[in-house]
Amino acid sequence: MAFSTSVANEVLVRCGRHCCLCGKYAGMKMELHHIKQVSDGGDDSIDNCIPLCFDCHAEVKSYNPHHPKGRLFTEKELKGHRDKCYRRYSSVQSDSYDSNSSAICEKRIFPEKESKELLRWGYPEQDQICPLIDGELVMIAGCTGAKKSTYIHHVINTNLKAGYRVAYCCVKDKPFDVGLEIIAEDAQVNVEHIKRGVITDDVRNRIEISQNILNNRNLALFPYDQVAEGDRILQIVENSGAEIIVIDDINGVSFDNNTTIEKFLYQLRNTAAKHSVVVFVVCNLKIPERIDRHPMVEDFPVEGYYRLFDIVHLLYKCSNYDTYEEDKEKLEIIIVKGALSNPHTIKLVAPNNITGVFSEVESVN
């Protein structure tokens, strides 16, 4: 018997791929150990699983009761080490949702607190011309490949460091992948290199520093089956206690027969304003057939996508279409609503194109 992919995803997120015994970051060199062996009646549940590095897994399995030497790792001790590790590194609030419950987030997952800093984009120009205000509804839209998630991950990292709580609705990707991408963005590392284990000691150190800063119980990642329906997202906005909600992406959210997308947006807008929550909605647009592939307001499938949002950013990366363009590696942020002077375009450039992370402003016009 072996642990399922869903079990593996959750426990590896909870420990941040740190060994639950020695505490070191092990990356791909992780194994899942049955605390109570299958031969002794153990199952393949999350409760019976402990993530270990190669060395510690060999150590745990090496005890021979017929020739005892040293002290055996007991089931209770292993669970204690594991739970301690989860508390330190977990990006998923273990009590934020119940996988067997049809009602999500009916109580707060974050405690009451007063935020000390202003919400920020993390890019000085955006903060100056398009300030974030509590209770706003923000749209981040663009075609496939426009780096929408990378852009929003930078915003998340900026505000996590300021002490804000973020509830991330993983509509498009798995929570494990999202957590890894958020850490990679902060560490300025290509996430694919982390997944393949192709990283240097310097990169590994940067990942660990970012992980220790970001995994501070201020980030809750909700999987698709918990946020696939609009009413469940509304519950998170209303009850979670987070100051920032991310819906990535709106294209995958379904609604009941009595709810249209516009009705949902009205509810989302009012709920966000009532509870002073900033809600970021990521939207994937179809590639336009016109010669100029820059996204436009007309590309939104329904009018409410533009009309009901306080801020709308359209993202464009020309390398998706033209490999000969001079600034093909630059990311254009077209602020079509919410800027102090509309319209406004900001170009971001990656300090290292290998990472795929955009963190420097190249020009403003």
Protein backbone atom coordinates (compact mmCIF):
# COMPACT_ATOMS: atom_id res chain seq x y z
CA MET A 1 0.00 0.00 0.00
CA ALA A 2 1.11 3.58 -0.61
CA PHE A 3 -0.11 7.05 0.25
CA SER A 4 -2.36 8.71 -2.33
CA THR A 5 -1.30 11.80 -4.27
CA SER A 6 -3.76 13.95 -2.30
CA VAL A 7 -2.26 12.78 1.02
CA ALA A 8 1.28 13.36 -0.29
CA ASN A 9 0.40 16.86 -1.51
CA GLU A 10 -1.08 17.91 1.82
CA VAL A 11 1.65 16.56 4.14
CA LEU A 12 4.46 17.93 1.97
CA VAL A 13 2.81 21.37 2.05
CA ARG A 14 2.36 21.18 5.81
CA CYS A 15 6.05 20.41 6.42
CA GLY A 16 7.31 22.63 3.61
CA ARG A 17 9.40 19.65 2.46
CA HIS A 18 11.33 19.75 5.72
CA CYS A 19 12.13 16.46 7.40
CA CYS A 20 9.91 16.05 10.46
CA LEU A 21 12.79 14.59 12.50
CA CYS A 22 16.02 16.45 11.67
CA GLY A 23 14.22 19.57 10.41
CA LYS A 24 16.37 20.11 7.33
CA TYR A 25 14.93 21.17 3.97
CA ALA A 26 15.14 18.03 1.79
CA GLY A 27 13.52 19.16 -1.47
CA MET A 28 12.86 16.16 -3.67
CA LYS A 29 14.74 13.86 -1.28
CA MET A 30 11.63 13.18 0.79
CA GLU A 31 9.85 9.92 1.61
CA LEU A 32 6.54 9.28 3.36
CA HIS A 33 6.71 6.84 6.25
CA HIS A 34 3.83 4.88 7.79
CA ILE A 35 3.91 5.69 11.51
CA LYS A 36 2.04 2.47 12.20
CA GLN A 37 3.17 -0.11 9.68
CA VAL A 38 0.61 -1.53 7.26
CA SER A 39 1.53 -5.04 8.43
CA ASP A 40 0.48 -3.97 11.94
CA GLY A 41 -2.86 -2.55 10.79
CA GLY A 42 -1.77 0.95 9.79
CA ASP A 43 -3.61 2.75 7.00
CA ASP A 44 -2.71 5.27 4.29
CA SER A 45 -4.28 8.26 6.02
CA ILE A 46 -2.75 11.68 6.71
CA ASP A 47 -2.78 10.88 10.43
CA ASN A 48 -0.60 7.82 9.86
CA CYS A 49 1.93 9.63 7.66
CA ILE A 50 5.19 11.39 8.55
CA PRO A 51 7.41 13.02 5.87
CA LEU A 52 11.11 12.20 6.33
CA CYS A 53 14.38 12.80 4.50
CA PHE A 54 16.26 9.79 3.14
CA ASP A 55 18.65 9.59 6.10
CA CYS A 56 15.97 9.81 8.81
CA HIS A 57 13.72 7.36 6.99
CA ALA A 58 16.55 4.82 6.96
CA GLU A 59 17.17 5.53 10.65
CA VAL A 60 13.52 4.99 11.63
CA LYS A 61 13.34 1.71 9.70
CA SER A 62 16.67 0.35 10.96
CA TYR A 63 15.55 -0.69 14.47
CA ASN A 64 15.54 -4.44 14.93
CA PRO A 65 13.41 -5.57 17.91
CA HIS A 66 15.12 -8.95 17.88
CA HIS A 67 18.51 -7.28 18.43
CA PRO A 68 17.61 -4.01 20.14
CA LYS A 69 20.20 -1.24 20.14
CA GLY A 70 19.32 2.33 21.03
CA ARG A 71 15.74 3.49 21.49
CA LEU A 72 12.90 2.74 19.08
CA PHE A 73 10.92 5.63 17.56
CA THR A 74 7.47 5.08 19.03
CA GLU A 75 4.26 5.95 17.19
CA LYS A 76 3.46 8.66 19.74
CA GLU A 77 6.93 10.20 19.45
CA LEU A 78 6.81 10.25 15.64
CA LYS A 79 3.43 11.98 15.69
CA GLY A 80 4.78 14.52 18.16
CA HIS A 81 7.77 15.34 15.96
CA ARG A 82 5.54 15.54 12.91
CA ASP A 83 2.95 17.85 14.50
CA LYS A 84 5.70 20.14 15.79
CA CYS A 85 7.14 20.37 12.28
CA TYR A 86 3.71 21.07 10.78
CA ARG A 87 3.11 23.91 13.24
CA ARG A 88 6.40 25.50 12.23
CA TYR A 89 6.25 25.18 8.48
CA SER A 90 2.64 24.69 7.48
CA SER A 91 1.27 27.04 4.81
CA VAL A 92 -2.13 25.41 5.07
CA GLN A 93 -4.24 26.23 8.07
CA SER A 94 -5.06 22.72 9.28
CA ASP A 95 -8.29 23.92 10.86
CA SER A 96 -9.32 26.19 7.99
CA TYR A 97 -11.41 23.57 6.28
CA ASP A 98 -12.78 20.12 6.79
CA SER A 99 -12.40 17.91 3.71
CA ASN A 100 -15.50 15.97 4.71
CA SER A 101 -17.68 19.02 5.24
CA SER A 102 -19.94 20.61 2.68
CA ALA A 103 -19.77 23.98 4.46
CA ILE A 104 -16.41 25.75 4.35
CA CYS A 105 -15.05 28.38 6.68
CA GLU A 106 -18.07 28.89 8.91
CA LYS A 107 -15.77 30.24 11.61
CA ARG A 108 -12.70 32.42 11.63
CA ILE A 109 -9.42 30.78 10.69
CA PHE A 110 -7.36 33.83 11.65
CA PRO A 111 -7.52 35.57 15.05
CA GLU A 112 -8.54 39.19 15.50
CA LYS A 113 -5.72 41.70 15.16
CA GLU A 114 -5.04 45.26 14.09
CA SER A 115 -2.89 45.66 10.97
CA LYS A 116 -0.13 48.24 11.33
CA GLU A 117 0.87 48.92 7.71
CA LEU A 118 -0.96 49.93 4.58
CA LEU A 119 -1.76 47.31 1.98
CA ARG A 120 0.76 47.53 -0.85
CA TRP A 121 1.36 46.21 -4.35
CA GLY A 122 5.06 45.82 -3.69
CA TYR A 123 5.94 48.02 -6.67
CA PRO A 124 6.42 51.72 -5.79
CA GLU A 125 4.73 53.07 -8.93
CA GLN A 126 1.57 51.01 -8.42
CA ASP A 127 1.44 52.05 -4.78
CA GLN A 128 1.68 55.69 -5.83
CA ILE A 129 -0.76 55.85 -8.73
CA CYS A 130 -3.10 53.00 -7.77
CA PRO A 131 -3.25 52.66 -3.97
CA LEU A 132 -4.97 49.64 -2.40
CA ILE A 133 -7.83 50.45 -0.03
CA ASP A 134 -9.60 48.09 2.38
CA GLY A 135 -12.77 46.59 0.95
CA GLU A 136 -11.84 46.94 -2.72
CA LEU A 137 -12.47 44.42 -5.47
CA VAL A 138 -9.43 44.06 -7.75
CA MET A 139 -9.24 42.33 -11.16
CA ILE A 140 -5.97 40.95 -12.55
CA ALA A 141 -6.62 39.78 -16.12
CA GLY A 142 -4.66 38.64 -19.15
CA CYS A 143 -4.20 35.84 -21.64
CA THR A 144 -2.43 32.57 -20.88
CA GLY A 145 1.28 33.15 -20.29
CA ALA A 146 0.92 36.74 -19.09
CA LYS A 147 2.37 35.86 -15.66
CA LYS A 148 -0.81 36.76 -13.77
CA SER A 149 -0.12 34.37 -10.89
CA THR A 150 3.53 35.46 -10.59
CA TYR A 151 2.35 39.07 -10.41
CA ILE A 152 -0.20 38.37 -7.70
CA HIS A 153 2.29 36.22 -5.74
CA HIS A 154 4.53 39.28 -5.40
CA VAL A 155 1.62 41.22 -3.94
CA ILE A 156 0.95 38.36 -1.51
CA ASN A 157 4.58 38.16 -0.40
CA THR A 158 4.75 41.92 0.15
CA ASN A 159 1.71 41.89 2.44
CA LEU A 160 2.53 38.65 4.26
CA LYS A 161 5.76 40.28 5.37
CA ALA A 162 3.75 43.25 6.63
CA GLY A 163 1.69 40.93 8.84
CA TYR A 164 -1.45 40.62 6.74
CA ARG A 165 -3.38 37.34 6.53
CA VAL A 166 -4.10 35.89 3.09
CA ALA A 167 -6.68 33.28 2.09
CA TYR A 168 -5.83 31.88 -1.33
CA CYS A 169 -8.54 30.05 -3.29
CA CYS A 170 -6.62 27.60 -5.49
CA VAL A 171 -9.15 27.24 -8.29
CA LYS A 172 -6.56 26.64 -11.03
CA ASP A 173 -3.59 24.95 -9.33
CA LYS A 174 -2.98 22.60 -6.41
CA PRO A 175 -2.26 24.21 -3.03
CA PHE A 176 1.17 22.55 -2.89
CA ASP A 177 2.17 24.08 -6.24
CA VAL A 178 0.79 27.50 -5.25
CA GLY A 179 2.70 27.44 -1.96
CA LEU A 180 5.90 26.50 -3.79
CA GLU A 181 5.37 29.26 -6.37
CA ILE A 182 4.84 31.88 -3.65
CA ILE A 183 8.09 30.86 -1.96
CA ALA A 184 9.93 30.78 -5.31
CA GLU A 185 8.73 34.30 -6.15
CA ASP A 186 10.04 35.66 -2.87
CA ALA A 187 13.36 33.81 -3.19
CA GLN A 188 13.73 34.91 -6.85
CA VAL A 189 14.03 31.28 -7.98
CA ASN A 190 12.53 29.46 -10.94
CA VAL A 191 9.93 27.16 -9.40
CA GLU A 192 10.62 24.45 -11.99
CA HIS A 193 14.19 24.23 -10.74
CA ILE A 194 12.91 23.61 -7.22
CA LYS A 195 10.53 20.89 -8.41
CA ARG A 196 13.34 19.12 -10.28
CA GLY A 197 15.82 19.58 -7.45
CA VAL A 198 18.20 21.51 -9.74
CA ILE A 199 19.31 24.11 -7.20
CA THR A 200 22.61 25.25 -5.72
CA ASP A 201 23.40 25.61 -2.02
CA ASP A 202 22.98 29.38 -2.35
CA VAL A 203 19.52 28.96 -3.89
CA ARG A 204 18.61 26.41 -1.21
CA ASN A 205 19.54 28.94 1.49
CA ARG A 206 17.39 31.62 -0.15
CA ILE A 207 14.47 29.21 -0.29
CA GLU A 208 14.82 28.38 3.40
CA ILE A 209 15.01 32.07 4.35
CA SER A 210 11.86 32.83 2.34
CA GLN A 211 10.12 29.79 3.79
CA ASN A 212 10.90 30.83 7.35
CA ILE A 213 9.63 34.37 6.68
CA LEU A 214 6.47 33.42 4.81
CA ASN A 215 5.34 30.26 6.64
CA ASN A 216 4.11 32.19 9.64
CA ARG A 217 0.54 30.90 9.80
CA ASN A 218 -0.68 33.96 7.90
CA LEU A 219 -1.38 32.09 4.66
CA ALA A 220 -4.26 29.66 4.13
CA LEU A 221 -4.49 27.71 0.86
CA PHE A 222 -7.86 26.26 -0.10
CA PRO A 223 -8.02 23.42 -2.67
CA TYR A 224 -10.34 23.38 -5.66
CA ASP A 225 -12.98 21.10 -4.16
CA GLN A 226 -13.45 23.62 -1.34
CA VAL A 227 -13.74 26.75 -3.53
CA ALA A 228 -15.25 25.49 -6.78
CA GLU A 229 -18.60 27.11 -5.95
CA GLY A 230 -19.20 30.84 -5.59
CA ASP A 231 -21.10 30.63 -2.30
CA ARG A 232 -18.13 28.93 -0.62
CA ILE A 233 -15.82 31.75 -1.69
CA LEU A 234 -18.27 34.24 -0.19
CA GLN A 235 -18.06 32.34 3.11
CA ILE A 236 -14.28 32.70 3.10
CA VAL A 237 -14.50 36.44 2.45
CA GLU A 238 -17.08 36.84 5.22
CA ASN A 239 -15.75 34.53 7.92
CA SER A 240 -12.05 33.76 7.48
CA GLY A 241 -10.63 36.86 9.17
CA ALA A 242 -8.15 37.36 6.31
CA GLU A 243 -7.49 40.87 5.06
CA ILE A 244 -6.67 39.63 1.55
CA ILE A 245 -8.54 37.03 -0.49
CA VAL A 246 -7.22 35.72 -3.81
CA ILE A 247 -9.44 33.89 -6.32
CA ASP A 248 -7.14 32.25 -8.87
CA ASP A 249 -8.92 32.03 -11.20
CA ILE A 250 -12.55 33.09 -11.64
CA ASN A 251 -12.94 31.07 -14.87
CA GLY A 252 -13.14 27.83 -12.88
CA VAL A 253 -15.77 28.91 -10.33
CA SER A 254 -19.30 27.53 -10.79
CA PHE A 255 -22.64 28.97 -9.67
CA ASP A 256 -26.05 27.51 -8.96
CA ASN A 257 -28.96 27.94 -11.36
CA ASN A 258 -30.21 31.05 -9.56
CA THR A 259 -26.86 32.89 -9.59
CA THR A 260 -25.27 34.60 -12.57
CA ILE A 261 -21.67 35.75 -12.63
CA GLU A 262 -22.85 39.35 -12.30
CA LYS A 263 -24.99 38.53 -9.28
CA PHE A 264 -22.00 36.79 -7.70
CA LEU A 265 -19.80 39.83 -8.33
CA TYR A 266 -22.39 42.09 -6.69
CA GLN A 267 -22.38 39.79 -3.64
CA LEU A 268 -18.58 39.60 -3.65
CA ARG A 269 -18.24 43.38 -3.90
CA ASN A 270 -20.68 44.03 -1.05
CA THR A 271 -19.21 41.33 1.20
CA ALA A 272 -15.65 42.60 0.64
CA ALA A 273 -16.69 46.17 1.48
CA LYS A 274 -18.66 45.09 4.56
CA HIS A 275 -15.72 43.17 6.04
CA SER A 276 -12.94 45.51 4.79
CA VAL A 277 -11.33 42.69 2.79
CA VAL A 278 -9.36 43.29 -0.41
CA VAL A 279 -10.32 40.61 -2.93
CA PHE A 280 -8.05 39.90 -5.89
CA VAL A 281 -9.74 38.07 -8.75
CA VAL A 282 -7.53 36.53 -11.44
CA CYS A 283 -9.19 36.14 -14.83
CA ASN A 284 -7.86 34.38 -17.93
CA LEU A 285 -8.82 36.08 -21.21
CA LYS A 286 -9.03 34.55 -24.66
CA ILE A 287 -6.22 35.47 -27.05
CA PRO A 288 -7.62 38.22 -29.31
CA GLU A 289 -7.66 37.69 -33.06
CA ARG A 290 -6.72 41.30 -33.82
CA ILE A 291 -3.17 42.19 -34.89
CA ASP A 292 -2.47 44.09 -31.67
CA ARG A 293 -2.70 41.36 -29.03
CA HIS A 294 -2.80 43.76 -26.09
CA PRO A 295 -5.81 42.90 -23.87
CA MET A 296 -8.69 45.36 -23.82
CA VAL A 297 -11.76 45.91 -21.66
CA GLU A 298 -13.85 44.59 -24.56
CA ASP A 299 -12.21 41.18 -24.10
CA PHE A 300 -14.06 40.55 -20.82
CA PRO A 301 -16.86 38.00 -21.33
CA VAL A 302 -19.42 40.03 -19.37
CA GLU A 303 -19.78 43.74 -18.65
CA GLY A 304 -19.71 43.25 -14.89
CA TYR A 305 -16.09 42.07 -15.02
CA TYR A 306 -15.10 45.69 -15.59
CA ARG A 307 -18.00 47.66 -14.19
CA LEU A 308 -18.10 46.08 -10.70
CA PHE A 309 -14.37 46.15 -9.93
CA ASP A 310 -12.66 49.06 -8.18
CA ILE A 311 -9.30 48.34 -9.81
CA VAL A 312 -8.59 46.54 -13.10
CA HIS A 313 -5.09 45.59 -14.26
CA LEU A 314 -4.58 44.01 -17.68
CA LEU A 315 -1.30 42.09 -18.08
CA TYR A 316 0.51 41.63 -21.39
CA LYS A 317 3.77 39.87 -22.26
CA CYS A 318 4.68 40.25 -25.91
CA SER A 319 7.05 37.24 -25.94
CA ASN A 320 3.90 35.09 -26.10
CA TYR A 321 3.41 36.33 -29.66
CA ASP A 322 6.55 38.04 -30.98
CA THR A 323 10.00 36.60 -30.24
CA TYR A 324 11.69 39.48 -32.08
CA GLU A 325 10.23 42.30 -30.01
CA GLU A 326 12.98 44.34 -28.36
CA ASP A 327 11.42 44.24 -24.88
CA LYS A 328 9.98 40.74 -25.17
CA GLU A 329 10.90 39.83 -21.59
CA LYS A 330 9.09 42.80 -20.10
CA LEU A 331 5.69 42.57 -18.50
CA GLU A 332 3.23 45.38 -19.19
CA ILE A 333 0.76 46.31 -16.47
CA ILE A 334 -2.04 48.27 -18.10
CA ILE A 335 -4.07 50.00 -15.38
CA VAL A 336 -7.41 50.64 -17.02
CA LYS A 337 -9.38 51.41 -13.85
CA GLY A 338 -8.39 52.64 -10.41
CA ALA A 339 -5.31 54.70 -11.31
CA LEU A 340 -5.15 58.34 -10.27
CA SER A 341 -4.67 59.18 -13.96
CA ASN A 342 -6.29 56.77 -16.42
CA PRO A 343 -5.11 54.98 -18.45
CA HIS A 344 -1.63 54.11 -17.21
CA THR A 345 0.92 51.53 -18.30
CA ILE A 346 3.85 50.27 -16.25
CA LYS A 347 6.54 47.97 -17.62
CA LEU A 348 8.25 45.50 -15.32
CA VAL A 349 11.45 43.66 -16.10
CA ALA A 350 12.90 40.58 -14.44
CA PRO A 351 16.33 41.16 -12.87
CA ASN A 352 17.14 37.61 -13.99
CA ASN A 353 15.06 36.16 -16.80
CA ILE A 354 15.89 32.63 -15.65
CA THR A 355 13.69 33.10 -12.58
CA GLY A 356 10.70 34.45 -14.47
CA VAL A 357 10.06 36.83 -11.54
CA PHE A 358 9.31 40.51 -12.17
CA SER A 359 10.42 42.87 -9.45
CA GLU A 360 11.87 46.00 -11.05
CA VAL A 361 10.08 48.88 -12.72
CA GLU A 362 11.62 49.64 -16.13
CA SER A 363 9.49 52.57 -17.18
CA VAL A 364 6.26 54.44 -16.48
CA ASN A 365 4.24 56.32 -19.08
